[in-house]
Amino acid sequence: MKKLDINISTEFIKLDSLLKFSGAAETGGMAKEAIQNGEVSFNGEICTMRGKKVRSGDTVEFNGYIINVN
């Protein structure tokens, strides 16, 4: 697993945007498909909502990445 710390300057970032921004997903389309297929874990639970609001303190796992949002 590759651990990433991502800092956001806004209140939240949408889950699909986070996957693309962090580099865990190559494209927005790949991120959307992975979320819809149940391949993404949000705070330890599978999340299928691509518009899920990810805030500071949340953790997302996908494709060998653990993304900590600060």
N, C-alpha and C. Protein backbone atom coordinates (compact mmCIF):
# COMPACT_ATOMS: atom_id res chain seq x y z
N MET A 1 0.84 -1.20 0.00
CA MET A 1 0.00 0.00 0.00
C MET A 1 0.88 1.25 0.00
N LYS A 2 0.48 2.20 -0.78
CA LYS A 2 1.17 3.49 -0.83
C LYS A 2 0.35 4.51 -0.06
N LYS A 3 0.97 5.14 0.92
CA LYS A 3 0.25 6.13 1.73
C LYS A 3 0.49 7.53 1.19
N LEU A 4 -0.61 8.27 1.07
CA LEU A 4 -0.55 9.66 0.60
C LEU A 4 -1.24 10.56 1.62
N ASP A 5 -0.65 11.71 1.87
CA ASP A 5 -1.30 12.74 2.68
C ASP A 5 -1.67 13.86 1.73
N ILE A 6 -2.96 14.14 1.63
CA ILE A 6 -3.47 15.18 0.74
C ILE A 6 -4.03 16.32 1.59
N ASN A 7 -3.54 17.51 1.35
CA ASN A 7 -4.03 18.68 2.05
C ASN A 7 -5.06 19.39 1.18
N ILE A 8 -6.20 19.71 1.77
CA ILE A 8 -7.22 20.48 1.04
C ILE A 8 -7.41 21.82 1.72
N SER A 9 -7.68 22.83 0.91
CA SER A 9 -7.86 24.19 1.46
C SER A 9 -9.32 24.58 1.51
N THR A 10 -10.20 23.66 1.10
CA THR A 10 -11.63 23.91 1.12
C THR A 10 -12.27 23.04 2.20
N GLU A 11 -13.55 23.21 2.43
CA GLU A 11 -14.25 22.44 3.46
C GLU A 11 -14.25 20.95 3.14
N PHE A 12 -14.39 20.62 1.85
CA PHE A 12 -14.43 19.22 1.43
C PHE A 12 -13.99 19.10 -0.01
N ILE A 13 -13.75 17.85 -0.45
CA ILE A 13 -13.50 17.52 -1.85
C ILE A 13 -14.34 16.30 -2.15
N LYS A 14 -14.93 16.23 -3.34
CA LYS A 14 -15.75 15.08 -3.69
C LYS A 14 -14.85 13.86 -3.91
N LEU A 15 -15.38 12.71 -3.57
CA LEU A 15 -14.62 11.47 -3.60
C LEU A 15 -13.99 11.22 -4.97
N ASP A 16 -14.75 11.36 -6.05
CA ASP A 16 -14.18 11.09 -7.37
C ASP A 16 -13.07 12.07 -7.72
N SER A 17 -13.22 13.32 -7.31
CA SER A 17 -12.19 14.33 -7.55
C SER A 17 -10.93 14.03 -6.75
N LEU A 18 -11.10 13.54 -5.53
CA LEU A 18 -9.95 13.19 -4.69
C LEU A 18 -9.13 12.07 -5.33
N LEU A 19 -9.80 11.06 -5.85
CA LEU A 19 -9.08 9.95 -6.47
C LEU A 19 -8.27 10.41 -7.67
N LYS A 20 -8.84 11.30 -8.46
CA LYS A 20 -8.12 11.83 -9.62
C LYS A 20 -6.99 12.77 -9.17
N PHE A 21 -7.27 13.66 -8.26
CA PHE A 21 -6.29 14.64 -7.77
C PHE A 21 -5.08 13.96 -7.14
N SER A 22 -5.33 12.89 -6.39
CA SER A 22 -4.24 12.20 -5.69
C SER A 22 -3.40 11.32 -6.61
N GLY A 23 -3.95 11.01 -7.79
CA GLY A 23 -3.24 10.14 -8.71
C GLY A 23 -3.58 8.67 -8.56
N ALA A 24 -4.47 8.35 -7.61
CA ALA A 24 -4.89 6.95 -7.41
C ALA A 24 -5.68 6.46 -8.63
N ALA A 25 -6.43 7.37 -9.25
CA ALA A 25 -7.16 7.05 -10.49
C ALA A 25 -6.57 7.93 -11.59
N GLU A 26 -6.33 7.34 -12.75
CA GLU A 26 -5.72 8.08 -13.85
C GLU A 26 -6.64 9.14 -14.44
N THR A 27 -7.94 8.83 -14.46
CA THR A 27 -8.91 9.77 -15.04
C THR A 27 -10.14 9.87 -14.14
N GLY A 28 -10.93 10.90 -14.38
CA GLY A 28 -12.18 11.04 -13.64
C GLY A 28 -13.14 9.90 -13.96
N GLY A 29 -13.11 9.43 -15.20
CA GLY A 29 -13.97 8.32 -15.60
C GLY A 29 -13.59 7.03 -14.87
N MET A 30 -12.29 6.81 -14.71
CA MET A 30 -11.82 5.64 -13.97
C MET A 30 -12.26 5.73 -12.51
N ALA A 31 -12.17 6.92 -11.93
CA ALA A 31 -12.59 7.12 -10.54
C ALA A 31 -14.09 6.85 -10.39
N LYS A 32 -14.88 7.38 -11.30
CA LYS A 32 -16.33 7.20 -11.27
C LYS A 32 -16.69 5.71 -11.35
N GLU A 33 -16.08 5.01 -12.27
CA GLU A 33 -16.37 3.58 -12.46
C GLU A 33 -15.96 2.76 -11.23
N ALA A 34 -14.80 3.06 -10.68
CA ALA A 34 -14.32 2.33 -9.50
C ALA A 34 -15.25 2.52 -8.31
N ILE A 35 -15.73 3.75 -8.12
CA ILE A 35 -16.65 4.04 -7.01
C ILE A 35 -17.96 3.30 -7.22
N GLN A 36 -18.51 3.36 -8.42
CA GLN A 36 -19.78 2.70 -8.71
C GLN A 36 -19.67 1.18 -8.58
N ASN A 37 -18.47 0.62 -8.83
CA ASN A 37 -18.26 -0.83 -8.73
C ASN A 37 -17.93 -1.29 -7.31
N GLY A 38 -17.92 -0.35 -6.34
CA GLY A 38 -17.66 -0.72 -4.96
C GLY A 38 -16.22 -1.04 -4.65
N GLU A 39 -15.29 -0.43 -5.40
CA GLU A 39 -13.86 -0.70 -5.22
C GLU A 39 -13.18 0.29 -4.28
N VAL A 40 -13.93 1.27 -3.77
CA VAL A 40 -13.35 2.33 -2.96
C VAL A 40 -13.86 2.25 -1.53
N SER A 41 -12.94 2.35 -0.59
CA SER A 41 -13.28 2.31 0.83
C SER A 41 -13.14 3.72 1.41
N PHE A 42 -14.17 4.17 2.11
CA PHE A 42 -14.19 5.49 2.75
C PHE A 42 -14.31 5.28 4.25
N ASN A 43 -13.29 5.66 4.99
CA ASN A 43 -13.26 5.46 6.45
C ASN A 43 -13.58 4.01 6.82
N GLY A 44 -13.03 3.06 6.05
CA GLY A 44 -13.16 1.65 6.36
C GLY A 44 -14.38 0.95 5.82
N GLU A 45 -15.26 1.67 5.11
CA GLU A 45 -16.46 1.07 4.55
C GLU A 45 -16.56 1.36 3.06
N ILE A 46 -17.07 0.40 2.30
CA ILE A 46 -17.24 0.58 0.86
C ILE A 46 -18.19 1.75 0.61
N CYS A 47 -17.82 2.61 -0.32
CA CYS A 47 -18.65 3.78 -0.66
C CYS A 47 -18.91 3.76 -2.16
N THR A 48 -20.18 3.87 -2.54
CA THR A 48 -20.54 3.89 -3.96
C THR A 48 -21.11 5.24 -4.39
N MET A 49 -20.95 6.27 -3.56
CA MET A 49 -21.43 7.62 -3.90
C MET A 49 -20.24 8.46 -4.37
N ARG A 50 -20.18 8.73 -5.67
CA ARG A 50 -19.00 9.45 -6.17
C ARG A 50 -18.96 10.91 -5.72
N GLY A 51 -20.11 11.45 -5.33
CA GLY A 51 -20.16 12.81 -4.84
C GLY A 51 -19.98 12.92 -3.34
N LYS A 52 -19.60 11.82 -2.69
CA LYS A 52 -19.40 11.81 -1.23
C LYS A 52 -18.42 12.92 -0.85
N LYS A 53 -18.77 13.69 0.14
CA LYS A 53 -17.91 14.78 0.59
C LYS A 53 -16.83 14.25 1.52
N VAL A 54 -15.59 14.38 1.10
CA VAL A 54 -14.44 13.94 1.89
C VAL A 54 -13.86 15.16 2.58
N ARG A 55 -13.75 15.07 3.90
CA ARG A 55 -13.27 16.20 4.69
C ARG A 55 -11.95 15.86 5.39
N SER A 56 -11.34 16.87 5.95
CA SER A 56 -10.11 16.67 6.71
C SER A 56 -10.34 15.62 7.80
N GLY A 57 -9.41 14.67 7.91
CA GLY A 57 -9.52 13.61 8.89
C GLY A 57 -10.05 12.31 8.32
N ASP A 58 -10.59 12.35 7.08
CA ASP A 58 -11.12 11.15 6.43
C ASP A 58 -9.99 10.36 5.77
N THR A 59 -10.22 9.07 5.59
CA THR A 59 -9.27 8.18 4.93
C THR A 59 -9.97 7.42 3.81
N VAL A 60 -9.34 7.37 2.65
CA VAL A 60 -9.88 6.67 1.49
C VAL A 60 -8.85 5.64 1.03
N GLU A 61 -9.33 4.44 0.70
CA GLU A 61 -8.45 3.39 0.18
C GLU A 61 -8.94 2.97 -1.20
N PHE A 62 -7.98 2.89 -2.14
CA PHE A 62 -8.30 2.46 -3.50
C PHE A 62 -7.03 2.11 -4.26
N ASN A 63 -7.07 1.01 -4.99
CA ASN A 63 -6.03 0.67 -5.95
C ASN A 63 -4.62 0.67 -5.35
N GLY A 64 -4.51 0.18 -4.12
CA GLY A 64 -3.20 0.13 -3.47
C GLY A 64 -2.78 1.41 -2.78
N TYR A 65 -3.66 2.40 -2.73
CA TYR A 65 -3.38 3.68 -2.09
C TYR A 65 -4.20 3.82 -0.81
N ILE A 66 -3.58 4.40 0.20
CA ILE A 66 -4.29 4.86 1.39
C ILE A 66 -4.12 6.37 1.39
N ILE A 67 -5.23 7.07 1.25
CA ILE A 67 -5.19 8.53 1.15
C ILE A 67 -5.74 9.14 2.41
N ASN A 68 -4.89 9.87 3.13
CA ASN A 68 -5.30 10.59 4.34
C ASN A 68 -5.51 12.05 3.96
N VAL A 69 -6.69 12.57 4.26
CA VAL A 69 -7.01 13.95 3.91
C VAL A 69 -6.79 14.84 5.13
N ASN A 70 -6.04 15.92 4.92
CA ASN A 70 -5.73 16.86 6.00
C ASN A 70 -6.31 18.22 5.69
